[in-house]
Amino acid sequence: MNLTQTRLRAWTFVALSWAGMGLQATTRQECLDQCRSEYLSAVRDCRDLYPGDANSANQCVMVAILNHTRCVDRCPED
């Protein structure tokens, strides 16, 4: 896989992981837990997809952070 394909895969993963975050939760705490789990998974995947390219991995993580914030904002109030 070349660098362009790797980056596309990473950004696609981050976008798709956010799309479903927190949607199955019925309580705020469940939603927050799901958001955290998805965030940690995205961070691991960013690192795995960009070995030796810290700048790109960090950019991917920044998107994961933004998506985590959006996820938390979508969580229901108790």
PDB file of N, CA and C in Angstrom:
ATOM      1  N   MET A   1       0.857  -1.173   0.000  1.00  0.00           N
ATOM      2  CA  MET A   1       0.000   0.000   0.000  1.00  0.00           C
ATOM      3  C   MET A   1       0.900   1.233   0.000  1.00  0.00           C
ATOM      4  N   ASN A   2       0.648   2.151  -0.934  1.00  0.00           N
ATOM      5  CA  ASN A   2       1.472   3.351  -0.967  1.00  0.00           C
ATOM      6  C   ASN A   2       0.967   4.387   0.033  1.00  0.00           C
ATOM      7  N   LEU A   3       1.708   5.458   0.159  1.00  0.00           N
ATOM      8  CA  LEU A   3       1.399   6.471   1.175  1.00  0.00           C
ATOM      9  C   LEU A   3       0.031   7.112   0.943  1.00  0.00           C
ATOM     10  N   THR A   4      -0.314   7.389  -0.293  1.00  0.00           N
ATOM     11  CA  THR A   4      -1.615   8.005  -0.587  1.00  0.00           C
ATOM     12  C   THR A   4      -2.748   7.074  -0.191  1.00  0.00           C
ATOM     13  N   GLN A   5      -2.626   5.790  -0.516  1.00  0.00           N
ATOM     14  CA  GLN A   5      -3.654   4.819  -0.137  1.00  0.00           C
ATOM     15  C   GLN A   5      -3.760   4.698   1.377  1.00  0.00           C
ATOM     16  N   THR A   6      -2.622   4.730   2.038  1.00  0.00           N
ATOM     17  CA  THR A   6      -2.611   4.632   3.496  1.00  0.00           C
ATOM     18  C   THR A   6      -3.321   5.820   4.116  1.00  0.00           C
ATOM     19  N   ARG A   7      -3.034   7.014   3.631  1.00  0.00           N
ATOM     20  CA  ARG A   7      -3.685   8.215   4.166  1.00  0.00           C
ATOM     21  C   ARG A   7      -5.185   8.189   3.919  1.00  0.00           C
ATOM     22  N   LEU A   8      -5.580   7.788   2.727  1.00  0.00           N
ATOM     23  CA  LEU A   8      -7.001   7.710   2.422  1.00  0.00           C
ATOM     24  C   LEU A   8      -7.683   6.719   3.358  1.00  0.00           C
ATOM     25  N   ARG A   9      -7.042   5.594   3.594  1.00  0.00           N
ATOM     26  CA  ARG A   9      -7.594   4.592   4.495  1.00  0.00           C
ATOM     27  C   ARG A   9      -7.741   5.155   5.904  1.00  0.00           C
ATOM     28  N   ALA A  10      -6.744   5.877   6.368  1.00  0.00           N
ATOM     29  CA  ALA A  10      -6.787   6.437   7.718  1.00  0.00           C
ATOM     30  C   ALA A  10      -7.895   7.468   7.856  1.00  0.00           C
ATOM     31  N   TRP A  11      -7.988   8.400   6.915  1.00  0.00           N
ATOM     32  CA  TRP A  11      -9.018   9.434   6.997  1.00  0.00           C
ATOM     33  C   TRP A  11     -10.408   8.820   6.876  1.00  0.00           C
ATOM     34  N   THR A  12     -10.541   7.813   6.013  1.00  0.00           N
ATOM     35  CA  THR A  12     -11.827   7.131   5.866  1.00  0.00           C
ATOM     36  C   THR A  12     -12.203   6.461   7.167  1.00  0.00           C
ATOM     37  N   PHE A  13     -11.242   5.793   7.792  1.00  0.00           N
ATOM     38  CA  PHE A  13     -11.528   5.129   9.060  1.00  0.00           C
ATOM     39  C   PHE A  13     -11.983   6.129  10.117  1.00  0.00           C
ATOM     40  N   VAL A  14     -11.255   7.216  10.226  1.00  0.00           N
ATOM     41  CA  VAL A  14     -11.584   8.214  11.246  1.00  0.00           C
ATOM     42  C   VAL A  14     -12.985   8.769  11.000  1.00  0.00           C
ATOM     43  N   ALA A  15     -13.300   9.067   9.751  1.00  0.00           N
ATOM     44  CA  ALA A  15     -14.630   9.600   9.433  1.00  0.00           C
ATOM     45  C   ALA A  15     -15.716   8.576   9.724  1.00  0.00           C
ATOM     46  N   LEU A  16     -15.500   7.337   9.335  1.00  0.00           N
ATOM     47  CA  LEU A  16     -16.508   6.304   9.563  1.00  0.00           C
ATOM     48  C   LEU A  16     -16.649   5.967  11.034  1.00  0.00           C
ATOM     49  N   SER A  17     -15.555   5.996  11.752  1.00  0.00           N
ATOM     50  CA  SER A  17     -15.648   5.670  13.174  1.00  0.00           C
ATOM     51  C   SER A  17     -16.485   6.714  13.907  1.00  0.00           C
ATOM     52  N   TRP A  18     -16.393   7.976  13.473  1.00  0.00           N
ATOM     53  CA  TRP A  18     -17.193   9.012  14.110  1.00  0.00           C
ATOM     54  C   TRP A  18     -18.658   8.868  13.761  1.00  0.00           C
ATOM     55  N   ALA A  19     -18.959   8.408  12.551  1.00  0.00           N
ATOM     56  CA  ALA A  19     -20.344   8.375  12.082  1.00  0.00           C
ATOM     57  C   ALA A  19     -21.254   7.589  13.012  1.00  0.00           C
ATOM     58  N   GLY A  20     -20.738   6.539  13.630  1.00  0.00           N
ATOM     59  CA  GLY A  20     -21.592   5.725  14.487  1.00  0.00           C
ATOM     60  C   GLY A  20     -21.363   5.899  15.968  1.00  0.00           C
ATOM     61  N   MET A  21     -20.477   6.774  16.351  1.00  0.00           N
ATOM     62  CA  MET A  21     -20.131   6.909  17.763  1.00  0.00           C
ATOM     63  C   MET A  21     -21.301   7.375  18.609  1.00  0.00           C
ATOM     64  N   GLY A  22     -21.538   6.642  19.660  1.00  0.00           N
ATOM     65  CA  GLY A  22     -22.518   7.044  20.647  1.00  0.00           C
ATOM     66  C   GLY A  22     -23.960   6.835  20.252  1.00  0.00           C
ATOM     67  N   LEU A  23     -24.202   6.376  19.034  1.00  0.00           N
ATOM     68  CA  LEU A  23     -25.576   6.308  18.562  1.00  0.00           C
ATOM     69  C   LEU A  23     -26.386   5.180  19.206  1.00  0.00           C
ATOM     70  N   GLN A  24     -25.735   4.148  19.708  1.00  0.00           N
ATOM     71  CA  GLN A  24     -26.464   3.042  20.312  1.00  0.00           C
ATOM     72  C   GLN A  24     -26.690   3.239  21.810  1.00  0.00           C
ATOM     73  N   ALA A  25     -26.146   4.263  22.353  1.00  0.00           N
ATOM     74  CA  ALA A  25     -26.221   4.489  23.794  1.00  0.00           C
ATOM     75  C   ALA A  25     -27.601   4.994  24.193  1.00  0.00           C
ATOM     76  N   THR A  26     -28.039   4.567  25.376  1.00  0.00           N
ATOM     77  CA  THR A  26     -29.315   5.060  25.892  1.00  0.00           C
ATOM     78  C   THR A  26     -29.122   6.043  27.039  1.00  0.00           C
ATOM     79  N   THR A  27     -27.960   6.002  27.674  1.00  0.00           N
ATOM     80  CA  THR A  27     -27.669   6.956  28.741  1.00  0.00           C
ATOM     81  C   THR A  27     -26.452   7.779  28.356  1.00  0.00           C
ATOM     82  N   ARG A  28     -26.291   8.893  29.008  1.00  0.00           N
ATOM     83  CA  ARG A  28     -25.130   9.745  28.743  1.00  0.00           C
ATOM     84  C   ARG A  28     -23.829   8.999  29.027  1.00  0.00           C
ATOM     85  N   GLN A  29     -23.791   8.277  30.146  1.00  0.00           N
ATOM     86  CA  GLN A  29     -22.554   7.571  30.489  1.00  0.00           C
ATOM     87  C   GLN A  29     -22.213   6.505  29.459  1.00  0.00           C
ATOM     88  N   GLU A  30     -23.204   5.763  28.974  1.00  0.00           N
ATOM     89  CA  GLU A  30     -22.950   4.770  27.922  1.00  0.00           C
ATOM     90  C   GLU A  30     -22.399   5.452  26.670  1.00  0.00           C
ATOM     91  N   CYS A  31     -22.989   6.578  26.328  1.00  0.00           N
ATOM     92  CA  CYS A  31     -22.554   7.326  25.156  1.00  0.00           C
ATOM     93  C   CYS A  31     -21.108   7.805  25.331  1.00  0.00           C
ATOM     94  N   LEU A  32     -20.808   8.370  26.483  1.00  0.00           N
ATOM     95  CA  LEU A  32     -19.443   8.844  26.749  1.00  0.00           C
ATOM     96  C   LEU A  32     -18.449   7.694  26.689  1.00  0.00           C
ATOM     97  N   ASP A  33     -18.842   6.541  27.218  1.00  0.00           N
ATOM     98  CA  ASP A  33     -17.974   5.364  27.168  1.00  0.00           C
ATOM     99  C   ASP A  33     -17.729   4.921  25.731  1.00  0.00           C
ATOM    100  N   GLN A  34     -18.781   4.941  24.912  1.00  0.00           N
ATOM    101  CA  GLN A  34     -18.630   4.566  23.506  1.00  0.00           C
ATOM    102  C   GLN A  34     -17.744   5.568  22.767  1.00  0.00           C
ATOM    103  N   CYS A  35     -17.942   6.843  23.043  1.00  0.00           N
ATOM    104  CA  CYS A  35     -17.108   7.869  22.406  1.00  0.00           C
ATOM    105  C   CYS A  35     -15.636   7.660  22.768  1.00  0.00           C
ATOM    106  N   ARG A  36     -15.383   7.391  24.028  1.00  0.00           N
ATOM    107  CA  ARG A  36     -14.001   7.180  24.482  1.00  0.00           C
ATOM    108  C   ARG A  36     -13.390   5.953  23.820  1.00  0.00           C
ATOM    109  N   SER A  37     -14.160   4.878  23.750  1.00  0.00           N
ATOM    110  CA  SER A  37     -13.676   3.646  23.132  1.00  0.00           C
ATOM    111  C   SER A  37     -13.349   3.863  21.654  1.00  0.00           C
ATOM    112  N   GLU A  38     -14.242   4.542  20.943  1.00  0.00           N
ATOM    113  CA  GLU A  38     -14.006   4.826  19.526  1.00  0.00           C
ATOM    114  C   GLU A  38     -12.796   5.739  19.339  1.00  0.00           C
ATOM    115  N   TYR A  39     -12.643   6.708  20.222  1.00  0.00           N
ATOM    116  CA  TYR A  39     -11.502   7.617  20.142  1.00  0.00           C
ATOM    117  C   TYR A  39     -10.188   6.855  20.320  1.00  0.00           C
ATOM    118  N   LEU A  40     -10.126   6.022  21.349  1.00  0.00           N
ATOM    119  CA  LEU A  40      -8.901   5.265  21.601  1.00  0.00           C
ATOM    120  C   LEU A  40      -8.579   4.328  20.451  1.00  0.00           C
ATOM    121  N   SER A  41      -9.600   3.728  19.878  1.00  0.00           N
ATOM    122  CA  SER A  41      -9.400   2.851  18.724  1.00  0.00           C
ATOM    123  C   SER A  41      -8.871   3.645  17.528  1.00  0.00           C
ATOM    124  N   ALA A  42      -9.429   4.822  17.300  1.00  0.00           N
ATOM    125  CA  ALA A  42      -8.977   5.661  16.185  1.00  0.00           C
ATOM    126  C   ALA A  42      -7.523   6.090  16.366  1.00  0.00           C
ATOM    127  N   VAL A  43      -7.144   6.430  17.592  1.00  0.00           N
ATOM    128  CA  VAL A  43      -5.764   6.835  17.858  1.00  0.00           C
ATOM    129  C   VAL A  43      -4.805   5.673  17.580  1.00  0.00           C
ATOM    130  N   ARG A  44      -5.168   4.489  18.022  1.00  0.00           N
ATOM    131  CA  ARG A  44      -4.328   3.313  17.740  1.00  0.00           C
ATOM    132  C   ARG A  44      -4.202   3.097  16.237  1.00  0.00           C
ATOM    133  N   ASP A  45      -5.312   3.216  15.531  1.00  0.00           N
ATOM    134  CA  ASP A  45      -5.275   3.011  14.086  1.00  0.00           C
ATOM    135  C   ASP A  45      -4.455   4.085  13.385  1.00  0.00           C
ATOM    136  N   CYS A  46      -4.525   5.314  13.848  1.00  0.00           N
ATOM    137  CA  CYS A  46      -3.693   6.379  13.263  1.00  0.00           C
ATOM    138  C   CYS A  46      -2.217   6.022  13.399  1.00  0.00           C
ATOM    139  N   ARG A  47      -1.839   5.562  14.553  1.00  0.00           N
ATOM    140  CA  ARG A  47      -0.430   5.187  14.773  1.00  0.00           C
ATOM    141  C   ARG A  47      -0.028   4.019  13.888  1.00  0.00           C
ATOM    142  N   ASP A  48      -0.934   3.032  13.767  1.00  0.00           N
ATOM    143  CA  ASP A  48      -0.631   1.851  12.952  1.00  0.00           C
ATOM    144  C   ASP A  48      -0.558   2.182  11.464  1.00  0.00           C
ATOM    145  N   LEU A  49      -1.385   3.119  11.027  1.00  0.00           N
ATOM    146  CA  LEU A  49      -1.442   3.451   9.607  1.00  0.00           C
ATOM    147  C   LEU A  49      -0.327   4.382   9.154  1.00  0.00           C
ATOM    148  N   TYR A  50       0.325   5.043  10.104  1.00  0.00           N
ATOM    149  CA  TYR A  50       1.393   5.983   9.764  1.00  0.00           C
ATOM    150  C   TYR A  50       2.694   5.650  10.494  1.00  0.00           C
ATOM    151  N   PRO A  51       3.184   4.419  10.370  1.00  0.00           N
ATOM    152  CA  PRO A  51       4.446   4.097  11.052  1.00  0.00           C
ATOM    153  C   PRO A  51       5.595   4.922  10.467  1.00  0.00           C
ATOM    154  N   GLY A  52       6.340   5.544  11.335  1.00  0.00           N
ATOM    155  CA  GLY A  52       7.482   6.328  10.886  1.00  0.00           C
ATOM    156  C   GLY A  52       7.129   7.697  10.314  1.00  0.00           C
ATOM    157  N   ASP A  53       5.857   8.065  10.342  1.00  0.00           N
ATOM    158  CA  ASP A  53       5.437   9.363   9.819  1.00  0.00           C
ATOM    159  C   ASP A  53       4.639  10.083  10.913  1.00  0.00           C
ATOM    160  N   ALA A  54       5.375  10.624  11.872  1.00  0.00           N
ATOM    161  CA  ALA A  54       4.752  11.227  13.053  1.00  0.00           C
ATOM    162  C   ALA A  54       3.848  12.399  12.691  1.00  0.00           C
ATOM    163  N   ASN A  55       4.228  13.185  11.701  1.00  0.00           N
ATOM    164  CA  ASN A  55       3.418  14.337  11.321  1.00  0.00           C
ATOM    165  C   ASN A  55       2.031  13.902  10.839  1.00  0.00           C
ATOM    166  N   SER A  56       1.979  12.934   9.953  1.00  0.00           N
ATOM    167  CA  SER A  56       0.694  12.442   9.442  1.00  0.00           C
ATOM    168  C   SER A  56      -0.107  11.757  10.539  1.00  0.00           C
ATOM    169  N   ALA A  57       0.572  10.988  11.379  1.00  0.00           N
ATOM    170  CA  ALA A  57      -0.120  10.332  12.485  1.00  0.00           C
ATOM    171  C   ALA A  57      -0.736  11.369  13.417  1.00  0.00           C
ATOM    172  N   ASN A  58      -0.003  12.428  13.687  1.00  0.00           N
ATOM    173  CA  ASN A  58      -0.525  13.489  14.555  1.00  0.00           C
ATOM    174  C   ASN A  58      -1.721  14.194  13.922  1.00  0.00           C
ATOM    175  N   GLN A  59      -1.691  14.413  12.617  1.00  0.00           N
ATOM    176  CA  GLN A  59      -2.836  15.025  11.940  1.00  0.00           C
ATOM    177  C   GLN A  59      -4.055  14.118  12.042  1.00  0.00           C
ATOM    178  N   CYS A  60      -3.853  12.840  11.868  1.00  0.00           N
ATOM    179  CA  CYS A  60      -4.935  11.868  11.986  1.00  0.00           C
ATOM    180  C   CYS A  60      -5.507  11.892  13.403  1.00  0.00           C
ATOM    181  N   VAL A  61      -4.643  11.949  14.401  1.00  0.00           N
ATOM    182  CA  VAL A  61      -5.083  12.006  15.804  1.00  0.00           C
ATOM    183  C   VAL A  61      -5.865  13.293  16.067  1.00  0.00           C
ATOM    184  N   MET A  62      -5.449  14.387  15.463  1.00  0.00           N
ATOM    185  CA  MET A  62      -6.185  15.646  15.639  1.00  0.00           C
ATOM    186  C   MET A  62      -7.623  15.511  15.142  1.00  0.00           C
ATOM    187  N   VAL A  63      -7.800  14.827  14.021  1.00  0.00           N
ATOM    188  CA  VAL A  63      -9.155  14.587  13.507  1.00  0.00           C
ATOM    189  C   VAL A  63      -9.920  13.700  14.484  1.00  0.00           C
ATOM    190  N   ALA A  64      -9.251  12.700  15.041  1.00  0.00           N
ATOM    191  CA  ALA A  64      -9.901  11.826  16.027  1.00  0.00           C
ATOM    192  C   ALA A  64     -10.347  12.624  17.252  1.00  0.00           C
ATOM    193  N   ILE A  65      -9.541  13.584  17.666  1.00  0.00           N
ATOM    194  CA  ILE A  65      -9.900  14.435  18.812  1.00  0.00           C
ATOM    195  C   ILE A  65     -11.139  15.271  18.484  1.00  0.00           C
ATOM    196  N   LEU A  66     -11.157  15.868  17.311  1.00  0.00           N
ATOM    197  CA  LEU A  66     -12.325  16.658  16.901  1.00  0.00           C
ATOM    198  C   LEU A  66     -13.576  15.784  16.834  1.00  0.00           C
ATOM    199  N   ASN A  67     -13.423  14.582  16.290  1.00  0.00           N
ATOM    200  CA  ASN A  67     -14.560  13.678  16.196  1.00  0.00           C
ATOM    201  C   ASN A  67     -15.036  13.239  17.580  1.00  0.00           C
ATOM    202  N   HIS A  68     -14.115  13.066  18.499  1.00  0.00           N
ATOM    203  CA  HIS A  68     -14.493  12.708  19.868  1.00  0.00           C
ATOM    204  C   HIS A  68     -15.321  13.828  20.486  1.00  0.00           C
ATOM    205  N   THR A  69     -14.897  15.051  20.268  1.00  0.00           N
ATOM    206  CA  THR A  69     -15.642  16.199  20.790  1.00  0.00           C
ATOM    207  C   THR A  69     -17.050  16.231  20.216  1.00  0.00           C
ATOM    208  N   ARG A  70     -17.160  15.993  18.918  1.00  0.00           N
ATOM    209  CA  ARG A  70     -18.483  15.962  18.277  1.00  0.00           C
ATOM    210  C   ARG A  70     -19.334  14.835  18.844  1.00  0.00           C
ATOM    211  N   CYS A  71     -18.713  13.704  19.064  1.00  0.00           N
ATOM    212  CA  CYS A  71     -19.431  12.564  19.627  1.00  0.00           C
ATOM    213  C   CYS A  71     -19.990  12.913  21.000  1.00  0.00           C
ATOM    214  N   VAL A  72     -19.151  13.470  21.860  1.00  0.00           N
ATOM    215  CA  VAL A  72     -19.583  13.840  23.214  1.00  0.00           C
ATOM    216  C   VAL A  72     -20.711  14.855  23.147  1.00  0.00           C
ATOM    217  N   ASP A  73     -20.620  15.792  22.210  1.00  0.00           N
ATOM    218  CA  ASP A  73     -21.669  16.804  22.059  1.00  0.00           C
ATOM    219  C   ASP A  73     -23.007  16.181  21.665  1.00  0.00           C
ATOM    220  N   ARG A  74     -22.969  15.038  21.005  1.00  0.00           N
ATOM    221  CA  ARG A  74     -24.194  14.368  20.562  1.00  0.00           C
ATOM    222  C   ARG A  74     -24.791  13.449  21.627  1.00  0.00           C
ATOM    223  N   CYS A  75     -24.088  13.239  22.713  1.00  0.00           N
ATOM    224  CA  CYS A  75     -24.590  12.356  23.763  1.00  0.00           C
ATOM    225  C   CYS A  75     -25.824  12.962  24.427  1.00  0.00           C
ATOM    226  N   PRO A  76     -26.775  12.102  24.786  1.00  0.00           N
ATOM    227  CA  PRO A  76     -27.990  12.618  25.440  1.00  0.00           C
ATOM    228  C   PRO A  76     -27.688  13.135  26.837  1.00  0.00           C
ATOM    229  N   GLU A  77     -28.489  14.071  27.264  1.00  0.00           N
ATOM    230  CA  GLU A  77     -28.395  14.559  28.645  1.00  0.00           C
ATOM    231  C   GLU A  77     -29.165  13.588  29.529  1.00  0.00           C
ATOM    232  N   ASP A  78     -28.679  13.371  30.726  1.00  0.00           N
ATOM    233  CA  ASP A  78     -29.402  12.494  31.664  1.00  0.00           C
ATOM    234  C   ASP A  78     -30.508  13.235  32.364  1.00  0.00           C
TER     235      ASP A  78
END
